[in-house]
Amino acid sequence: SSGTDVRAPHGRRHQRQGQARNERGGAFVGTRKEEVKKGEGRKEIVMRYQNKMKRVRSAIRKTVERGREAIAAIREAASIEVTLESKLDVDIKVSTEKKLHFSLGARNGEKEEEFDTITVILPDGRRHQVRLRRGDSVSRLTKRVARTTCLPLDQIYLVKGRHVCLADERADADTMYSVETRLNGGEGGHPPAPMTYGQVYWGFMISFSVLLALVCVIGGFCCGYRVGRRQN
């Protein structure tokens, strides 16, 4: 395809030409170091590479149709580091760690006013519509929101459709929950934070003081009861 850049040992000039093709756009955007087998020519390398990319594009089309099942398909099909542009203009960056990062932008030929928007839910339940810029990733978008709201990243949730995901750097396709679940304090999200040393210390001291007071009251009652019986 017009945007394919297969790194072959032709020096800097070849790399610059490939980069120029990528910047012009095409079905594939990105670079990939392809291992060359003994006796293999450039045509065979390109064919092998294009077959690999067909599997990734097929998985992306399935993502639109079948959601999470296709995310697993992408992970199986693509163990390569690459950025793809689908017809829906959703960039999917597949890294070698096999984590997916979604980046939403305007479609080709559209004006900036027609960019998509995303809803940001703050911890107190307020909702904000934020306009997406071209090339915005989840990380970049939430950092921008965090700056304007003065909130830490792990307290901001991004909503697209009926789903919400944590907005910190650890967020990926597996940390998605329904909006209702997240807002009602249901399952999902970060586990409760472990107790600090101070909390454990003061908890122990309070419990010990209550127990000691209880023993003193019971002991005093018993002593008073015995003294009363002797006097009688």
C-alpha atoms as a PDB file:
ATOM      1  CA  SER A   1       0.000   0.000   0.000  1.00  0.00           C
ATOM      2  CA  SER A   2       1.063   3.619  -0.459  1.00  0.00           C
ATOM      3  CA  GLY A   3       1.912   4.105   3.195  1.00  0.00           C
ATOM      4  CA  THR A   4       3.970   0.954   3.776  1.00  0.00           C
ATOM      5  CA  ASP A   5       7.530   1.452   4.980  1.00  0.00           C
ATOM      6  CA  VAL A   6       9.552  -1.746   5.138  1.00  0.00           C
ATOM      7  CA  ARG A   7      13.004  -0.939   6.457  1.00  0.00           C
ATOM      8  CA  ALA A   8      15.576  -2.431   4.080  1.00  0.00           C
ATOM      9  CA  PRO A   9      19.325  -1.763   4.223  1.00  0.00           C
ATOM     10  CA  HIS A  10      19.344   1.165   1.740  1.00  0.00           C
ATOM     11  CA  GLY A  11      20.650   3.884   4.076  1.00  0.00           C
ATOM     12  CA  ARG A  12      19.116   7.156   5.278  1.00  0.00           C
ATOM     13  CA  ARG A  13      17.589   8.114   1.890  1.00  0.00           C
ATOM     14  CA  HIS A  14      15.259   5.107   1.931  1.00  0.00           C
ATOM     15  CA  GLN A  15      14.147   5.864   5.501  1.00  0.00           C
ATOM     16  CA  ARG A  16      13.374   9.500   4.616  1.00  0.00           C
ATOM     17  CA  GLN A  17      11.328   8.423   1.593  1.00  0.00           C
ATOM     18  CA  GLY A  18       9.368   5.962   3.730  1.00  0.00           C
ATOM     19  CA  GLN A  19       8.748   8.647   6.361  1.00  0.00           C
ATOM     20  CA  ALA A  20       7.455  11.044   3.672  1.00  0.00           C
ATOM     21  CA  ARG A  21       5.039   8.356   2.433  1.00  0.00           C
ATOM     22  CA  ASN A  22       3.797   7.809   5.993  1.00  0.00           C
ATOM     23  CA  GLU A  23       3.206  11.521   6.548  1.00  0.00           C
ATOM     24  CA  ARG A  24       1.125  11.681   3.368  1.00  0.00           C
ATOM     25  CA  GLY A  25      -1.099   9.002   4.868  1.00  0.00           C
ATOM     26  CA  GLY A  26      -2.542   5.816   3.498  1.00  0.00           C
ATOM     27  CA  ALA A  27      -4.001   2.598   4.809  1.00  0.00           C
ATOM     28  CA  PHE A  28      -0.994   2.061   7.053  1.00  0.00           C
ATOM     29  CA  VAL A  29       0.796   4.715   9.101  1.00  0.00           C
ATOM     30  CA  GLY A  30       3.963   3.767  10.949  1.00  0.00           C
ATOM     31  CA  THR A  31       7.230   1.879  10.636  1.00  0.00           C
ATOM     32  CA  ARG A  32       8.258  -1.681  11.358  1.00  0.00           C
ATOM     33  CA  LYS A  33      11.622  -3.442  11.380  1.00  0.00           C
ATOM     34  CA  GLU A  34      11.065  -6.649   9.419  1.00  0.00           C
ATOM     35  CA  GLU A  35      13.424  -9.576   9.805  1.00  0.00           C
ATOM     36  CA  VAL A  36      14.808 -10.676   6.448  1.00  0.00           C
ATOM     37  CA  LYS A  37      15.190 -14.394   5.845  1.00  0.00           C
ATOM     38  CA  LYS A  38      18.127 -15.813   3.881  1.00  0.00           C
ATOM     39  CA  GLY A  39      17.626 -15.576   0.119  1.00  0.00           C
ATOM     40  CA  GLU A  40      14.464 -13.478   0.462  1.00  0.00           C
ATOM     41  CA  GLY A  41      13.949 -10.500  -1.863  1.00  0.00           C
ATOM     42  CA  ARG A  42      12.178  -7.207  -1.204  1.00  0.00           C
ATOM     43  CA  LYS A  43       8.968  -8.404  -2.911  1.00  0.00           C
ATOM     44  CA  GLU A  44       8.671 -11.409  -0.581  1.00  0.00           C
ATOM     45  CA  ILE A  45       9.269  -9.203   2.487  1.00  0.00           C
ATOM     46  CA  VAL A  46       6.541  -6.762   1.428  1.00  0.00           C
ATOM     47  CA  MET A  47       4.076  -9.588   0.682  1.00  0.00           C
ATOM     48  CA  ARG A  48       4.700 -11.222   4.071  1.00  0.00           C
ATOM     49  CA  TYR A  49       4.309  -7.877   5.814  1.00  0.00           C
ATOM     50  CA  GLN A  50       1.090  -6.960   3.959  1.00  0.00           C
ATOM     51  CA  ASN A  51      -0.467 -10.326   4.848  1.00  0.00           C
ATOM     52  CA  LYS A  52       0.297  -9.601   8.497  1.00  0.00           C
ATOM     53  CA  MET A  53      -1.317  -6.168   8.230  1.00  0.00           C
ATOM     54  CA  LYS A  54      -4.449  -7.661   6.593  1.00  0.00           C
ATOM     55  CA  ARG A  55      -5.011  -9.743   9.732  1.00  0.00           C
ATOM     56  CA  VAL A  56      -4.701  -6.636  11.922  1.00  0.00           C
ATOM     57  CA  ARG A  57      -7.095  -4.594   9.731  1.00  0.00           C
ATOM     58  CA  SER A  58      -9.573  -7.476   9.736  1.00  0.00           C
ATOM     59  CA  ALA A  59      -9.438  -7.510  13.538  1.00  0.00           C
ATOM     60  CA  ILE A  60     -10.110  -3.751  13.632  1.00  0.00           C
ATOM     61  CA  ARG A  61     -13.189  -4.149  11.427  1.00  0.00           C
ATOM     62  CA  LYS A  62     -14.413  -6.845  13.797  1.00  0.00           C
ATOM     63  CA  THR A  63     -13.822  -4.479  16.740  1.00  0.00           C
ATOM     64  CA  VAL A  64     -16.467  -2.150  15.372  1.00  0.00           C
ATOM     65  CA  GLU A  65     -18.858  -5.075  14.938  1.00  0.00           C
ATOM     66  CA  ARG A  66     -18.235  -7.273  17.950  1.00  0.00           C
ATOM     67  CA  GLY A  67     -16.418  -5.181  20.566  1.00  0.00           C
ATOM     68  CA  ARG A  68     -14.397  -7.020  23.164  1.00  0.00           C
ATOM     69  CA  GLU A  69     -14.084 -10.334  21.320  1.00  0.00           C
ATOM     70  CA  ALA A  70     -12.226  -8.495  18.593  1.00  0.00           C
ATOM     71  CA  ILE A  71      -9.846  -6.819  21.051  1.00  0.00           C
ATOM     72  CA  ALA A  72      -8.598 -10.301  21.899  1.00  0.00           C
ATOM     73  CA  ALA A  73      -8.293 -10.975  18.151  1.00  0.00           C
ATOM     74  CA  ILE A  74      -6.165  -7.838  17.713  1.00  0.00           C
ATOM     75  CA  ARG A  75      -3.913  -8.908  20.563  1.00  0.00           C
ATOM     76  CA  GLU A  76      -3.396 -12.304  18.933  1.00  0.00           C
ATOM     77  CA  ALA A  77      -2.923 -10.931  15.427  1.00  0.00           C
ATOM     78  CA  ALA A  78      -0.638  -8.028  16.272  1.00  0.00           C
ATOM     79  CA  SER A  79       2.427  -8.487  18.407  1.00  0.00           C
ATOM     80  CA  ILE A  80       4.035  -5.657  16.441  1.00  0.00           C
ATOM     81  CA  GLU A  81       4.446  -2.001  17.327  1.00  0.00           C
ATOM     82  CA  VAL A  82       2.385  -0.062  14.816  1.00  0.00           C
ATOM     83  CA  THR A  83      -0.242   2.669  14.402  1.00  0.00           C
ATOM     84  CA  LEU A  84      -3.215   2.041  12.123  1.00  0.00           C
ATOM     85  CA  GLU A  85      -5.917   4.327  10.762  1.00  0.00           C
ATOM     86  CA  SER A  86      -9.273   2.683  10.158  1.00  0.00           C
ATOM     87  CA  LYS A  87     -12.139   4.090   8.086  1.00  0.00           C
ATOM     88  CA  LEU A  88     -13.759   5.314  11.302  1.00  0.00           C
ATOM     89  CA  ASP A  89     -10.560   7.296  11.954  1.00  0.00           C
ATOM     90  CA  VAL A  90      -9.976   5.563  15.276  1.00  0.00           C
ATOM     91  CA  ASP A  91      -6.232   5.131  15.712  1.00  0.00           C
ATOM     92  CA  ILE A  92      -5.329   1.901  17.461  1.00  0.00           C
ATOM     93  CA  LYS A  93      -1.749   1.716  18.692  1.00  0.00           C
ATOM     94  CA  VAL A  94      -0.727  -1.869  19.310  1.00  0.00           C
ATOM     95  CA  SER A  95       2.446  -1.999  21.385  1.00  0.00           C
ATOM     96  CA  THR A  96       4.758  -4.933  22.028  1.00  0.00           C
ATOM     97  CA  GLU A  97       3.198  -5.273  25.504  1.00  0.00           C
ATOM     98  CA  LYS A  98      -0.110  -5.881  23.675  1.00  0.00           C
ATOM     99  CA  LYS A  99      -1.969  -3.035  25.373  1.00  0.00           C
ATOM    100  CA  LEU A 100      -4.442  -1.033  23.289  1.00  0.00           C
ATOM    101  CA  HIS A 101      -4.720   2.750  23.369  1.00  0.00           C
ATOM    102  CA  PHE A 102      -7.596   4.375  21.483  1.00  0.00           C
ATOM    103  CA  SER A 103      -7.250   7.789  19.914  1.00  0.00           C
ATOM    104  CA  LEU A 104     -10.335   9.525  18.458  1.00  0.00           C
ATOM    105  CA  GLY A 105     -10.225  12.351  15.929  1.00  0.00           C
ATOM    106  CA  ALA A 106     -12.100  14.034  13.087  1.00  0.00           C
ATOM    107  CA  ARG A 107     -12.644  12.102   9.888  1.00  0.00           C
ATOM    108  CA  ASN A 108     -10.753  13.058   6.744  1.00  0.00           C
ATOM    109  CA  GLY A 109     -11.996  16.268   5.168  1.00  0.00           C
ATOM    110  CA  GLU A 110     -14.053  17.395   8.177  1.00  0.00           C
ATOM    111  CA  LYS A 111     -13.636  20.811   9.753  1.00  0.00           C
ATOM    112  CA  GLU A 112     -12.407  21.332  13.304  1.00  0.00           C
ATOM    113  CA  GLU A 113     -15.897  22.410  14.455  1.00  0.00           C
ATOM    114  CA  GLU A 114     -17.170  18.904  13.630  1.00  0.00           C
ATOM    115  CA  PHE A 115     -14.735  17.112  15.947  1.00  0.00           C
ATOM    116  CA  ASP A 116     -16.220  14.504  18.223  1.00  0.00           C
ATOM    117  CA  THR A 117     -16.760  15.238  21.916  1.00  0.00           C
ATOM    118  CA  ILE A 118     -16.270  13.049  24.957  1.00  0.00           C
ATOM    119  CA  THR A 119     -17.980  13.277  28.352  1.00  0.00           C
ATOM    120  CA  VAL A 120     -15.815  13.652  31.448  1.00  0.00           C
ATOM    121  CA  ILE A 121     -17.389  12.608  34.763  1.00  0.00           C
ATOM    122  CA  LEU A 122     -15.888  14.244  37.852  1.00  0.00           C
ATOM    123  CA  PRO A 123     -15.924  12.474  41.263  1.00  0.00           C
ATOM    124  CA  ASP A 124     -18.842  14.600  42.497  1.00  0.00           C
ATOM    125  CA  GLY A 125     -20.974  13.379  39.568  1.00  0.00           C
ATOM    126  CA  ARG A 126     -20.792  16.546  37.433  1.00  0.00           C
ATOM    127  CA  ARG A 127     -20.427  15.942  33.691  1.00  0.00           C
ATOM    128  CA  HIS A 128     -18.388  17.998  31.226  1.00  0.00           C
ATOM    129  CA  GLN A 129     -18.364  17.794  27.436  1.00  0.00           C
ATOM    130  CA  VAL A 130     -14.794  18.083  26.112  1.00  0.00           C
ATOM    131  CA  ARG A 131     -14.030  18.572  22.425  1.00  0.00           C
ATOM    132  CA  LEU A 132     -11.454  16.197  20.991  1.00  0.00           C
ATOM    133  CA  ARG A 133      -8.524  17.454  18.967  1.00  0.00           C
ATOM    134  CA  ARG A 134      -6.913  15.450  16.176  1.00  0.00           C
ATOM    135  CA  GLY A 135      -4.492  12.882  17.570  1.00  0.00           C
ATOM    136  CA  ASP A 136      -5.818  13.161  21.138  1.00  0.00           C
ATOM    137  CA  SER A 137      -5.092  10.053  23.141  1.00  0.00           C
ATOM    138  CA  VAL A 138      -6.886   9.115  26.368  1.00  0.00           C
ATOM    139  CA  SER A 139      -3.767  10.086  28.317  1.00  0.00           C
ATOM    140  CA  ARG A 140      -3.327  13.506  26.652  1.00  0.00           C
ATOM    141  CA  LEU A 141      -7.016  14.344  26.919  1.00  0.00           C
ATOM    142  CA  THR A 142      -7.252  13.525  30.612  1.00  0.00           C
ATOM    143  CA  LYS A 143      -4.083  15.438  31.429  1.00  0.00           C
ATOM    144  CA  ARG A 144      -5.719  18.483  29.815  1.00  0.00           C
ATOM    145  CA  VAL A 145      -8.880  17.940  31.898  1.00  0.00           C
ATOM    146  CA  ALA A 146      -6.801  17.408  35.052  1.00  0.00           C
ATOM    147  CA  ARG A 147      -5.053  20.756  34.507  1.00  0.00           C
ATOM    148  CA  THR A 148      -8.328  22.667  34.191  1.00  0.00           C
ATOM    149  CA  THR A 149     -10.102  20.918  37.091  1.00  0.00           C
ATOM    150  CA  CYS A 150      -7.061  20.608  39.428  1.00  0.00           C
ATOM    151  CA  LEU A 151      -7.928  16.939  40.047  1.00  0.00           C
ATOM    152  CA  PRO A 152      -5.562  13.941  40.107  1.00  0.00           C
ATOM    153  CA  LEU A 153      -5.720  11.740  37.013  1.00  0.00           C
ATOM    154  CA  ASP A 154      -7.073   8.678  38.838  1.00  0.00           C
ATOM    155  CA  GLN A 155     -10.191  10.643  39.877  1.00  0.00           C
ATOM    156  CA  ILE A 156     -11.305  11.435  36.314  1.00  0.00           C
ATOM    157  CA  TYR A 157     -13.363   9.013  34.209  1.00  0.00           C
ATOM    158  CA  LEU A 158     -13.863   9.151  30.437  1.00  0.00           C
ATOM    159  CA  VAL A 159     -17.206   8.127  29.004  1.00  0.00           C
ATOM    160  CA  LYS A 160     -17.921   7.154  25.404  1.00  0.00           C
ATOM    161  CA  GLY A 161     -21.388   5.744  24.770  1.00  0.00           C
ATOM    162  CA  ARG A 162     -22.417   3.606  27.760  1.00  0.00           C
ATOM    163  CA  HIS A 163     -18.910   2.789  28.937  1.00  0.00           C
ATOM    164  CA  VAL A 164     -16.439   4.513  31.233  1.00  0.00           C
ATOM    165  CA  CYS A 165     -12.766   3.818  31.791  1.00  0.00           C
ATOM    166  CA  LEU A 166     -10.187   4.960  34.314  1.00  0.00           C
ATOM    167  CA  ALA A 167      -8.177   7.814  32.864  1.00  0.00           C
ATOM    168  CA  ASP A 168      -4.762   7.213  34.405  1.00  0.00           C
ATOM    169  CA  GLU A 169      -1.812   5.710  32.544  1.00  0.00           C
ATOM    170  CA  ARG A 170      -2.774   2.136  33.571  1.00  0.00           C
ATOM    171  CA  ALA A 171      -6.096   2.332  31.726  1.00  0.00           C
ATOM    172  CA  ASP A 172      -6.549  -0.083  28.853  1.00  0.00           C
ATOM    173  CA  ALA A 173      -9.373  -2.013  27.236  1.00  0.00           C
ATOM    174  CA  ASP A 174      -9.819  -4.282  30.264  1.00  0.00           C
ATOM    175  CA  THR A 175     -10.584  -1.477  32.769  1.00  0.00           C
ATOM    176  CA  MET A 176     -13.989  -0.579  31.288  1.00  0.00           C
ATOM    177  CA  TYR A 177     -17.204  -0.622  33.313  1.00  0.00           C
ATOM    178  CA  SER A 178     -20.723   0.630  32.704  1.00  0.00           C
ATOM    179  CA  VAL A 179     -21.463   4.199  33.751  1.00  0.00           C
ATOM    180  CA  GLU A 180     -24.177   3.026  36.152  1.00  0.00           C
ATOM    181  CA  THR A 181     -21.796   0.654  37.923  1.00  0.00           C
ATOM    182  CA  ARG A 182     -19.057   3.237  38.334  1.00  0.00           C
ATOM    183  CA  LEU A 183     -21.364   6.028  39.535  1.00  0.00           C
ATOM    184  CA  ASN A 184     -23.239   3.807  41.996  1.00  0.00           C
ATOM    185  CA  GLY A 185     -20.024   2.633  43.621  1.00  0.00           C
ATOM    186  CA  GLY A 186     -20.345  -0.900  42.300  1.00  0.00           C
ATOM    187  CA  GLU A 187     -17.610  -3.326  41.385  1.00  0.00           C
ATOM    188  CA  GLY A 188     -14.628  -2.274  39.322  1.00  0.00           C
ATOM    189  CA  GLY A 189     -11.983   0.414  39.527  1.00  0.00           C
ATOM    190  CA  HIS A 190      -9.101   0.570  41.971  1.00  0.00           C
ATOM    191  CA  PRO A 191      -9.091  -1.738  45.024  1.00  0.00           C
ATOM    192  CA  PRO A 192      -9.409   0.015  48.400  1.00  0.00           C
ATOM    193  CA  ALA A 193      -6.143   1.597  49.534  1.00  0.00           C
ATOM    194  CA  PRO A 194      -4.231  -0.304  52.254  1.00  0.00           C
ATOM    195  CA  MET A 195      -4.319   1.179  55.764  1.00  0.00           C
ATOM    196  CA  THR A 196      -1.415   3.443  56.683  1.00  0.00           C
ATOM    197  CA  TYR A 197       0.812   2.876  59.742  1.00  0.00           C
ATOM    198  CA  GLY A 198      -0.857   5.801  61.534  1.00  0.00           C
ATOM    199  CA  GLN A 199      -4.345   4.383  60.937  1.00  0.00           C
ATOM    200  CA  VAL A 200      -3.289   0.962  62.279  1.00  0.00           C
ATOM    201  CA  TYR A 201      -1.595   2.537  65.341  1.00  0.00           C
ATOM    202  CA  TRP A 202      -4.534   4.739  66.333  1.00  0.00           C
ATOM    203  CA  GLY A 203      -7.021   1.938  65.653  1.00  0.00           C
ATOM    204  CA  PHE A 204      -5.084  -0.335  68.007  1.00  0.00           C
ATOM    205  CA  MET A 205      -4.791   2.368  70.703  1.00  0.00           C
ATOM    206  CA  ILE A 206      -8.529   3.176  70.626  1.00  0.00           C
ATOM    207  CA  SER A 207      -9.494  -0.507  70.743  1.00  0.00           C
ATOM    208  CA  PHE A 208      -7.073  -1.127  73.632  1.00  0.00           C
ATOM    209  CA  SER A 209      -8.392   1.899  75.596  1.00  0.00           C
ATOM    210  CA  VAL A 210     -12.021   0.783  75.165  1.00  0.00           C
ATOM    211  CA  LEU A 211     -11.130  -2.764  76.260  1.00  0.00           C
ATOM    212  CA  LEU A 212      -9.196  -1.491  79.312  1.00  0.00           C
ATOM    213  CA  ALA A 213     -12.087   0.777  80.375  1.00  0.00           C
ATOM    214  CA  LEU A 214     -14.496  -2.141  80.040  1.00  0.00           C
ATOM    215  CA  VAL A 215     -12.283  -4.393  82.230  1.00  0.00           C
ATOM    216  CA  CYS A 216     -12.011  -1.622  84.870  1.00  0.00           C
ATOM    217  CA  VAL A 217     -15.804  -1.117  84.981  1.00  0.00           C
ATOM    218  CA  ILE A 218     -16.506  -4.868  85.287  1.00  0.00           C
ATOM    219  CA  GLY A 219     -13.719  -5.262  87.888  1.00  0.00           C
ATOM    220  CA  GLY A 220     -15.028  -2.337  89.937  1.00  0.00           C
ATOM    221  CA  PHE A 221     -18.555  -3.698  89.834  1.00  0.00           C
ATOM    222  CA  CYS A 222     -17.392  -7.147  91.008  1.00  0.00           C
ATOM    223  CA  CYS A 223     -15.281  -5.667  93.883  1.00  0.00           C
ATOM    224  CA  GLY A 224     -18.174  -3.479  95.018  1.00  0.00           C
ATOM    225  CA  TYR A 225     -20.529  -6.448  94.971  1.00  0.00           C
ATOM    226  CA  ARG A 226     -18.157  -8.583  97.148  1.00  0.00           C
ATOM    227  CA  VAL A 227     -17.541  -5.766  99.679  1.00  0.00           C
ATOM    228  CA  GLY A 228     -21.289  -5.233  99.968  1.00  0.00           C
ATOM    229  CA  ARG A 229     -21.906  -8.926 100.676  1.00  0.00           C
ATOM    230  CA  ARG A 230     -19.224  -9.012 103.422  1.00  0.00           C
ATOM    231  CA  GLN A 231     -20.697  -5.982 105.160  1.00  0.00           C
ATOM    232  CA  ASN A 232     -24.095  -7.631 105.136  1.00  0.00           C
END
